[in-house]
Protein backbone atom coordinates (compact mmCIF):
# COMPACT_ATOMS: atom_id res chain seq x y z
CA UNK A 1 41.31 -56.74 0.82
CA UNK A 2 39.29 -59.62 2.24
CA UNK A 3 35.53 -59.57 1.89
CA UNK A 4 34.67 -60.20 5.53
CA UNK A 5 30.91 -60.14 4.94
CA UNK A 6 30.98 -63.89 4.29
CA UNK A 7 32.37 -64.39 7.81
CA UNK A 8 29.56 -62.61 9.64
CA UNK A 9 27.81 -64.88 12.16
CA UNK A 10 30.23 -67.72 11.38
CA UNK A 11 31.68 -69.71 14.27
CA UNK A 12 35.10 -71.25 14.82
CA UNK A 13 36.58 -73.84 17.16
CA UNK A 14 40.30 -73.77 17.98
CA UNK A 15 42.38 -76.75 19.09
CA UNK A 16 46.04 -76.42 20.04
CA UNK A 17 48.61 -79.11 20.74
CA UNK A 18 52.13 -78.67 22.04
CA UNK A 19 54.04 -75.73 23.47
CA UNK A 20 53.09 -72.34 24.92
CA UNK A 21 54.29 -70.77 21.67
CA UNK A 22 51.58 -72.66 19.77
CA UNK A 23 48.93 -71.49 22.26
CA UNK A 24 50.10 -67.90 21.83
CA UNK A 25 49.87 -68.20 18.04
CA UNK A 26 46.41 -69.79 18.15
CA UNK A 27 45.22 -66.96 20.37
CA UNK A 28 46.42 -64.41 17.82
CA UNK A 29 44.72 -66.31 14.98
CA UNK A 30 41.52 -66.25 17.05
CA UNK A 31 41.76 -62.48 17.54
CA UNK A 32 42.18 -61.89 13.79
CA UNK A 33 39.19 -64.09 12.97
CA UNK A 34 37.11 -62.40 15.66
CA UNK A 35 37.85 -58.98 14.15
CA UNK A 36 36.58 -60.37 10.81
CA UNK A 37 33.26 -61.30 12.43
CA UNK A 38 33.91 -64.95 13.33
CA UNK A 39 33.02 -65.80 16.92
CA UNK A 40 34.27 -68.70 18.99
CA UNK A 41 31.82 -71.60 19.03
CA UNK A 42 29.73 -72.08 22.18
CA UNK A 43 29.41 -75.36 23.99
CA UNK A 44 27.11 -77.73 22.10
CA UNK A 45 27.24 -75.75 18.84
CA UNK A 46 28.59 -77.03 15.53
CA UNK A 47 31.42 -74.84 14.22
CA UNK A 48 31.69 -73.48 10.68
CA UNK A 49 35.50 -73.44 10.88
CA UNK A 50 37.94 -75.74 12.71
CA UNK A 51 41.50 -74.49 13.27
CA UNK A 52 43.95 -77.13 14.54
CA UNK A 53 47.45 -75.97 15.50
CA UNK A 54 49.67 -79.04 15.66
CA UNK A 55 52.87 -80.21 17.34
CA UNK A 56 55.46 -82.72 16.17
CA UNK A 57 58.00 -82.89 18.99
CA UNK A 58 57.56 -86.68 19.34
CA UNK A 59 55.93 -89.57 17.52
CA UNK A 60 53.24 -89.51 20.22
CA UNK A 61 52.58 -85.85 19.40
CA UNK A 62 52.05 -86.75 15.73
CA UNK A 63 49.53 -89.41 16.75
CA UNK A 64 47.67 -86.99 19.02
CA UNK A 65 47.45 -84.51 16.14
CA UNK A 66 45.87 -87.08 13.84
CA UNK A 67 43.43 -88.11 16.58
CA UNK A 68 42.48 -84.46 17.21
CA UNK A 69 41.83 -83.83 13.50
CA UNK A 70 39.62 -86.94 13.19
CA UNK A 71 37.72 -85.99 16.37
CA UNK A 72 37.03 -82.39 15.31
CA UNK A 73 35.97 -83.44 11.79
CA UNK A 74 33.49 -85.83 13.40
CA UNK A 75 32.25 -83.32 16.01
CA UNK A 76 31.75 -80.51 13.47
CA UNK A 77 30.44 -82.11 10.25
CA UNK A 78 30.69 -79.84 7.24
CA UNK A 79 33.09 -77.42 8.91
CA UNK A 80 35.95 -75.88 6.92
CA UNK A 81 39.03 -77.55 8.47
CA UNK A 82 42.39 -75.75 8.64
CA UNK A 83 45.46 -77.58 9.98
CA UNK A 84 48.66 -75.67 10.73
CA UNK A 85 51.65 -75.94 13.08
CA UNK A 86 54.75 -78.11 13.18
CA UNK A 87 53.16 -81.41 12.11
CA UNK A 88 51.50 -79.60 9.20
CA UNK A 89 54.85 -78.12 8.10
CA UNK A 90 56.71 -81.43 8.36
CA UNK A 91 54.05 -83.74 6.83
CA UNK A 92 51.76 -81.48 4.76
CA UNK A 93 50.78 -84.06 2.15
CA UNK A 94 50.06 -86.69 4.79
CA UNK A 95 47.84 -84.28 6.71
CA UNK A 96 46.06 -83.09 3.53
CA UNK A 97 44.95 -86.67 2.85
CA UNK A 98 43.10 -86.94 6.18
CA UNK A 99 39.38 -87.05 5.46
CA UNK A 100 37.66 -83.74 6.14
CA UNK A 101 40.78 -81.55 6.01
CA UNK A 102 40.43 -78.63 3.58
CA UNK A 103 43.72 -76.77 3.82
CA UNK A 104 47.10 -77.37 5.43
CA UNK A 105 49.19 -74.28 6.16
CA UNK A 106 52.92 -74.24 6.87
CA UNK A 107 54.90 -72.10 9.32
CA UNK A 108 55.10 -69.09 6.99
CA UNK A 109 51.37 -69.17 6.14
CA UNK A 110 50.08 -69.61 9.70
CA UNK A 111 50.09 -65.91 10.55
CA UNK A 112 48.09 -65.13 7.40
CA UNK A 113 45.50 -67.88 7.94
CA UNK A 114 42.45 -65.71 7.31
CA UNK A 115 43.53 -65.20 3.68
CA UNK A 116 43.28 -68.95 3.07
CA UNK A 117 39.67 -69.37 4.20
CA UNK A 118 38.29 -68.34 0.80
CA UNK A 119 34.49 -68.59 0.78
CA UNK A 120 34.58 -71.50 3.26
CA UNK A 121 33.54 -74.01 0.61
CA UNK A 122 34.71 -77.54 1.40
CA UNK A 123 37.46 -79.02 -0.79
CA UNK A 124 37.10 -82.40 -2.44
CA UNK A 125 40.64 -83.09 -1.33
CA UNK A 126 42.82 -81.22 1.14
CA UNK A 127 45.26 -78.66 -0.24
CA UNK A 128 48.71 -78.08 1.28
CA UNK A 129 50.33 -74.63 1.16
CA UNK A 130 53.81 -74.55 2.68
CA UNK A 131 57.20 -72.93 2.23
CA UNK A 132 60.44 -74.94 2.49
CA UNK A 133 61.91 -74.45 5.96
CA UNK A 134 65.14 -72.93 4.59
CA UNK A 135 63.08 -70.24 2.82
CA UNK A 136 60.85 -69.20 5.73
CA UNK A 137 61.48 -65.51 6.44
CA UNK A 138 58.28 -64.10 7.94
CA UNK A 139 58.04 -63.49 11.69
CA UNK A 140 54.41 -63.53 12.81
CA UNK A 141 53.97 -61.71 16.14
CA UNK A 142 51.63 -63.14 18.75
CA UNK A 143 50.64 -62.46 22.32
CA UNK A 144 48.04 -64.34 24.31
CA UNK A 145 46.55 -64.40 27.74
CA UNK A 146 46.92 -67.79 29.38
CA UNK A 147 44.33 -69.59 31.48
CA UNK A 148 45.45 -67.66 34.52
CA UNK A 149 46.89 -64.17 34.94
CA UNK A 150 49.93 -64.29 32.73
CA UNK A 151 50.40 -63.43 29.08
CA UNK A 152 52.67 -65.22 26.62
CA UNK A 153 54.59 -62.89 24.31
CA UNK A 154 56.32 -64.40 21.29
CA UNK A 155 59.55 -62.55 20.50
CA UNK A 156 61.41 -65.04 18.29
CA UNK A 157 60.75 -68.05 16.06
CA UNK A 158 62.78 -70.78 14.36
CA UNK A 159 66.21 -72.20 15.17
CA UNK A 160 69.62 -72.43 13.49
CA UNK A 161 71.06 -75.05 15.82
CA UNK A 162 70.16 -78.37 14.12
CA UNK A 163 70.70 -80.58 17.17
CA UNK A 164 70.92 -84.21 16.03
CA UNK A 165 67.64 -85.33 17.65
CA UNK A 166 65.44 -82.35 16.78
CA UNK A 167 63.10 -81.45 13.91
CA UNK A 168 62.27 -77.89 15.00
CA UNK A 169 64.49 -76.16 12.38
CA UNK A 170 62.60 -78.15 9.72
CA UNK A 171 59.21 -77.41 11.31
CA UNK A 172 59.67 -73.72 12.13
CA UNK A 173 62.48 -72.57 9.86
CA UNK A 174 65.56 -70.51 10.62
CA UNK A 175 65.93 -68.11 13.53
CA UNK A 176 64.08 -64.81 13.12
CA UNK A 177 62.53 -62.26 15.44
CA UNK A 178 60.35 -59.21 15.81
CA UNK A 179 61.55 -55.65 16.27
CA UNK A 180 62.12 -54.41 19.82
CA UNK A 181 59.86 -51.35 19.37
CA UNK A 182 56.96 -53.55 18.18
CA UNK A 183 57.44 -56.06 21.01
CA UNK A 184 57.56 -53.25 23.58
CA UNK A 185 54.30 -51.91 22.15
CA UNK A 186 52.69 -55.35 22.61
CA UNK A 187 53.84 -55.33 26.24
CA UNK A 188 52.27 -51.87 26.68
CA UNK A 189 48.98 -53.25 25.32
CA UNK A 190 49.13 -56.06 27.89
CA UNK A 191 49.59 -53.46 30.62
CA UNK A 192 46.64 -51.45 29.23
CA UNK A 193 44.47 -54.60 29.48
CA UNK A 194 45.44 -54.98 33.14
CA UNK A 195 48.00 -57.74 32.63
CA UNK A 196 50.73 -57.84 35.24
CA UNK A 197 52.91 -60.75 34.15
CA UNK A 198 54.42 -61.67 30.78
CA UNK A 199 56.25 -64.86 29.87
CA UNK A 200 58.69 -64.24 27.01
CA UNK A 201 58.44 -67.12 24.55
CA UNK A 202 60.10 -68.31 21.37
CA UNK A 203 61.91 -71.32 19.98
CA UNK A 204 65.43 -70.12 20.81
CA UNK A 205 64.94 -66.74 22.46
CA UNK A 206 68.57 -66.23 23.43
CA UNK A 207 69.27 -66.05 19.68
CA UNK A 208 67.04 -62.96 19.45
CA UNK A 209 68.41 -60.29 17.12
CA UNK A 210 69.49 -62.42 14.16
CA UNK A 211 67.17 -60.53 11.80
CA UNK A 212 67.25 -57.09 13.42
CA UNK A 213 70.89 -56.64 14.45
CA UNK A 214 70.32 -56.35 18.19
CA UNK A 215 70.41 -58.84 21.09
CA UNK A 216 68.19 -60.55 23.63
CA UNK A 217 69.85 -58.43 26.31
CA UNK A 218 68.74 -55.29 24.43
CA UNK A 219 65.17 -56.64 24.44
CA UNK A 220 65.29 -57.46 28.16
CA UNK A 221 66.40 -53.91 29.03
CA UNK A 222 63.70 -52.36 26.84
CA UNK A 223 60.88 -54.51 28.25
CA UNK A 224 61.97 -53.74 31.81
CA UNK A 225 61.01 -50.11 31.21
CA UNK A 226 57.35 -50.82 30.34
CA UNK A 227 55.17 -49.31 33.05
CA UNK A 228 52.40 -51.48 34.42
CA UNK A 229 54.09 -54.84 33.82
CA UNK A 230 55.10 -56.08 37.25
CA UNK A 231 56.72 -59.35 36.22
CA UNK A 232 58.56 -60.93 33.31
CA UNK A 233 59.64 -64.56 33.11
CA UNK A 234 62.08 -65.91 30.53
CA UNK A 235 60.48 -69.13 29.26
CA UNK A 236 63.61 -71.04 28.21
CA UNK A 237 67.10 -69.98 27.22
CA UNK A 238 70.06 -72.01 25.99
CA UNK A 239 72.92 -72.12 28.54
CA UNK A 240 75.46 -70.85 25.99
CA UNK A 241 73.22 -67.85 25.28
CA UNK A 242 72.49 -67.02 28.93
CA UNK A 243 75.25 -64.45 29.36
CA UNK A 244 76.59 -63.19 32.67
CA UNK A 245 75.30 -59.70 31.80
CA UNK A 246 71.75 -61.09 31.46
CA UNK A 247 72.04 -62.93 34.79
CA UNK A 248 73.43 -59.84 36.53
CA UNK A 249 70.74 -57.63 35.01
CA UNK A 250 67.92 -59.96 36.15
CA UNK A 251 69.37 -59.86 39.68
CA UNK A 252 68.93 -56.06 39.86
CA UNK A 253 65.99 -55.73 37.48
CA UNK A 254 62.73 -54.02 38.36
CA UNK A 255 60.50 -56.66 36.78
CA UNK A 256 62.51 -59.68 35.57
CA UNK A 257 61.96 -62.48 38.07
CA UNK A 258 64.64 -64.70 39.66
CA UNK A 259 63.30 -67.63 37.65
CA UNK A 260 65.22 -69.41 34.89
CA UNK A 261 64.43 -72.34 32.63
CA UNK A 262 67.60 -73.74 31.06
CA UNK A 263 67.67 -76.82 28.79
CA UNK A 264 70.45 -79.23 29.74
CA UNK A 265 69.15 -82.22 27.70
CA UNK A 266 71.99 -84.47 28.84
CA UNK A 267 74.30 -84.45 31.86
CA UNK A 268 77.02 -86.39 30.01
CA UNK A 269 79.55 -84.62 27.80
CA UNK A 270 79.70 -87.67 25.52
CA UNK A 271 75.92 -87.54 24.94
CA UNK A 272 75.96 -83.75 24.52
CA UNK A 273 78.45 -84.22 21.67
CA UNK A 274 76.20 -86.85 20.06
CA UNK A 275 73.29 -84.43 20.41
CA UNK A 276 75.37 -81.65 18.79
CA UNK A 277 74.65 -79.30 21.67
CA UNK A 278 76.75 -76.13 21.87
CA UNK A 279 78.04 -76.40 25.45
CA UNK A 280 79.40 -78.94 27.90
CA UNK A 281 78.53 -79.81 31.49
CA UNK A 282 81.26 -77.49 32.83
CA UNK A 283 79.66 -74.47 31.15
CA UNK A 284 76.19 -75.51 32.33
CA UNK A 285 77.38 -75.91 35.93
CA UNK A 286 79.08 -72.50 35.80
CA UNK A 287 75.79 -70.84 34.77
CA UNK A 288 73.97 -72.45 37.70
CA UNK A 289 76.70 -71.31 40.11
CA UNK A 290 76.59 -67.77 38.73
CA UNK A 291 72.81 -67.54 39.19
CA UNK A 292 72.91 -68.94 42.73
CA UNK A 293 75.83 -66.71 43.78
CA UNK A 294 73.84 -63.53 43.15
CA UNK A 295 70.27 -64.90 43.46
CA UNK A 296 70.41 -67.70 46.08
CA UNK A 297 66.61 -68.11 46.05
CA UNK A 298 66.26 -68.27 42.23
CA UNK A 299 64.05 -71.02 40.82
CA UNK A 300 65.89 -72.98 38.11
CA UNK A 301 64.01 -75.43 35.90
CA UNK A 302 66.00 -77.80 33.67
CA UNK A 303 65.00 -79.86 30.60
CA UNK A 304 66.50 -83.35 30.35
CA UNK A 305 66.01 -85.97 27.62
CA UNK A 306 66.55 -89.62 28.57
CA UNK A 307 67.22 -92.60 26.35
CA UNK A 308 68.65 -90.82 23.33
CA UNK A 309 70.58 -92.93 20.86
CA UNK A 310 74.09 -93.36 22.21
CA UNK A 311 73.12 -92.93 25.89
CA UNK A 312 74.70 -96.04 27.38
CA UNK A 313 74.07 -97.07 31.00
CA UNK A 314 77.44 -95.58 31.92
CA UNK A 315 76.64 -92.24 30.27
CA UNK A 316 73.27 -92.10 32.03
CA UNK A 317 74.88 -92.75 35.43
CA UNK A 318 77.37 -89.95 34.70
CA UNK A 319 74.43 -87.69 33.87
CA UNK A 320 72.49 -88.66 37.01
CA UNK A 321 75.46 -87.89 39.26
CA UNK A 322 76.01 -84.55 37.52
CA UNK A 323 72.35 -83.49 37.81
CA UNK A 324 72.18 -84.70 41.42
CA UNK A 325 74.87 -82.22 42.47
CA UNK A 326 73.38 -79.26 40.56
CA UNK A 327 71.62 -76.64 42.71
CA UNK A 328 68.48 -76.62 40.56
CA UNK A 329 64.81 -76.69 41.50
CA UNK A 330 62.94 -78.85 39.04
CA UNK A 331 63.57 -81.23 36.14
CA UNK A 332 61.36 -81.48 33.07
CA UNK A 333 62.07 -85.01 31.90
CA UNK A 334 61.34 -86.22 28.36
CA UNK A 335 61.85 -89.66 26.84
CA UNK A 336 63.69 -89.57 23.53
CA UNK A 337 61.49 -90.08 20.49
CA UNK A 338 63.00 -90.92 17.11
CA UNK A 339 62.15 -88.36 14.44
CA UNK A 340 62.45 -89.06 10.71
CA UNK A 341 65.19 -87.13 8.93
CA UNK A 342 67.30 -86.41 12.01
CA UNK A 343 71.00 -87.16 12.27
CA UNK A 344 70.47 -89.05 15.54
CA UNK A 345 69.18 -92.02 13.54
CA UNK A 346 72.77 -92.65 12.41
CA UNK A 347 73.91 -93.31 16.00
CA UNK A 348 74.19 -97.02 16.78
CA UNK A 349 73.28 -97.59 20.44
CA UNK A 350 69.48 -97.76 20.90
CA UNK A 351 67.86 -97.58 24.36
CA UNK A 352 64.84 -99.88 24.76
CA UNK A 353 61.52 -98.31 25.94
CA UNK A 354 61.60 -100.09 29.32
CA UNK A 355 65.02 -98.61 30.06
CA UNK A 356 63.90 -95.12 28.96
CA UNK A 357 61.02 -95.42 31.42
CA UNK A 358 63.30 -96.54 34.25
CA UNK A 359 65.70 -93.65 33.68
CA UNK A 360 62.83 -91.20 33.41
CA UNK A 361 61.36 -92.36 36.74
CA UNK A 362 64.71 -92.00 38.50
CA UNK A 363 65.09 -88.42 37.30
CA UNK A 364 61.48 -87.54 38.14
CA UNK A 365 62.05 -88.81 41.69
CA UNK A 366 65.20 -86.68 41.92
CA UNK A 367 63.24 -83.69 40.62
CA UNK A 368 60.54 -84.17 43.24
CA UNK A 369 63.18 -84.33 45.95
CA UNK A 370 64.83 -81.10 44.77
CA UNK A 371 61.54 -79.21 44.39
CA UNK A 372 60.28 -80.24 47.84
CA UNK A 373 63.58 -79.16 49.43
CA UNK A 374 63.42 -75.79 47.64
CA UNK A 375 59.84 -75.19 48.82
CA UNK A 376 60.64 -76.32 52.38
CA UNK A 377 63.53 -73.83 52.59
CA UNK A 378 60.99 -71.00 52.13
CA UNK A 379 58.56 -71.99 54.89
CA UNK A 380 58.22 -69.06 57.30
CA UNK A 381 59.39 -66.49 54.76
CA UNK A 382 57.37 -63.58 53.37
CA UNK A 383 56.81 -62.93 49.66
CA UNK A 384 54.70 -61.11 47.09
CA UNK A 385 52.31 -63.46 45.30
CA UNK A 386 50.36 -62.76 42.10
CA UNK A 387 47.02 -64.48 42.72
CA UNK A 388 45.06 -66.33 40.04
CA UNK A 389 41.31 -66.79 39.62
CA UNK A 390 39.75 -70.03 40.86
CA UNK A 391 36.27 -71.53 41.00
CA UNK A 392 34.06 -70.38 43.87
CA UNK A 393 34.65 -72.39 47.01
CA UNK A 394 38.04 -73.72 45.92
CA UNK A 395 41.43 -72.48 47.17
CA UNK A 396 43.18 -69.76 45.19
CA UNK A 397 46.74 -70.13 44.00
CA UNK A 398 49.47 -67.81 42.85
CA UNK A 399 53.22 -67.67 42.45
CA UNK A 400 55.99 -65.83 44.24
CA UNK A 401 58.63 -63.98 42.23
CA UNK A 402 60.76 -67.15 42.34
CA UNK A 403 57.88 -69.35 41.20
CA UNK A 404 56.82 -71.00 44.45
CA UNK A 405 53.13 -71.93 44.27
CA UNK A 406 51.18 -70.50 47.21
CA UNK A 407 47.65 -71.42 48.29
CA UNK A 408 45.15 -69.04 49.95
CA UNK A 409 41.48 -69.25 50.88
CA UNK A 410 39.08 -68.19 48.14
CA UNK A 411 38.49 -64.44 47.75
CA UNK A 412 37.46 -63.06 44.34
CA UNK A 413 38.91 -59.68 45.24
CA UNK A 414 42.42 -61.15 45.11
CA UNK A 415 42.25 -62.20 41.44
CA UNK A 416 45.20 -60.78 39.45
CA UNK A 417 46.43 -58.91 42.50
CA UNK A 418 49.88 -58.90 44.06
CA UNK A 419 49.50 -59.64 47.75
CA UNK A 420 52.00 -59.97 50.58
CA UNK A 421 51.90 -63.36 52.29
CA UNK A 422 53.75 -65.40 54.86
CA UNK A 423 54.42 -68.93 53.61
CA UNK A 424 53.50 -71.83 55.86
CA UNK A 425 53.76 -75.59 55.36
CA UNK A 426 52.71 -77.72 52.40
CA UNK A 427 49.06 -78.11 51.41
CA UNK A 428 47.43 -81.56 51.56
CA UNK A 429 48.51 -82.48 48.03
CA UNK A 430 52.08 -81.28 48.59
CA UNK A 431 51.80 -79.03 45.52
CA UNK A 432 51.93 -75.62 47.19
CA UNK A 433 52.77 -73.80 50.41
CA UNK A 434 49.80 -72.52 52.40
CA UNK A 435 50.00 -68.75 52.74
CA UNK A 436 48.69 -66.23 55.26
CA UNK A 437 47.81 -62.72 54.07
CA UNK A 438 49.81 -59.97 55.73
């Protein structure tokens, strides 16, 4: 048992870098600390505890983590500083040496953070407590409310894929997941709090079931039965794990939205092989066709990495032509960043930064073109929109089932409500369609 009396009237500040999964985990850490008597620091206060949840997806991410740690140590002198997350797992000793850091916790220790606070006495030198990635077994559940109306529910962690460019299996360990009954209970709690939309998150969610003997499809069917949850969105799912039965189920589902996010990473079969991805462009294209055949208005977001080692000009042009003909809605474009310890470093052809930027800009322009065309095709149509809170006097925004952003005039009564609207033309910024309440 923890003696929580030492935590009474203590304050904490939380800083999260990286993905929605990290934000969900930080939120859960915050809830645990709050239950122990630690409140979130108010503006202008000095915190007693700093919790920094890091990311390491790129070299830039590593740099941002170091900058955040230095900044928080300076802003909250004397605070007990805890660093966790992917950067902490990958470079624990390096992080522990940063001035002001007291303890560095790896992926397996993150969910048990409160047990490492001790009596909050500062360390002379930072201590690192991690478990080797291959030995990580614990799944730490988390569910958080985002800035708006939706909740993020973590159902899976880790990855067994070992793509040549990626450090996630080393940062988060092997694939593991929660039990369906426990995840369903978390969804019921969201409904009890008045939440209407849940985004299902994880590292490789289509791989759900590795540790419990069931499947992601089993989870989808179980969550669809939770009363009170109006909408589910699948955050990201590998194309080889997005089965036809999942697609067909979403098409007829009560609450799963016609909204998919599918990582492509490269539109060239040659580059996909270098990346050690588990599909080819033909399979990817077939998944898009299947979705659009039964859900013509589905929103499809696609991740693409440009400038990976081995991506020659010819391979990029192949990729551009392939992506151009795909009936997708939006591209999330990332420039390749070399990560220590990855197999990609053995590939000869290196793309210079200027060329990465050029390729990135071309794909972003293509993305903008596709998104605008998708939005324009819905002008004049009616839809249900889940409205989100906004500051007084500013327009309110919300999303349709197929993730079109809709703008309405400000009305506090609409917050977290599903309303029927008719979609008009683009707003001034071109970021949403202006709606009319019906």
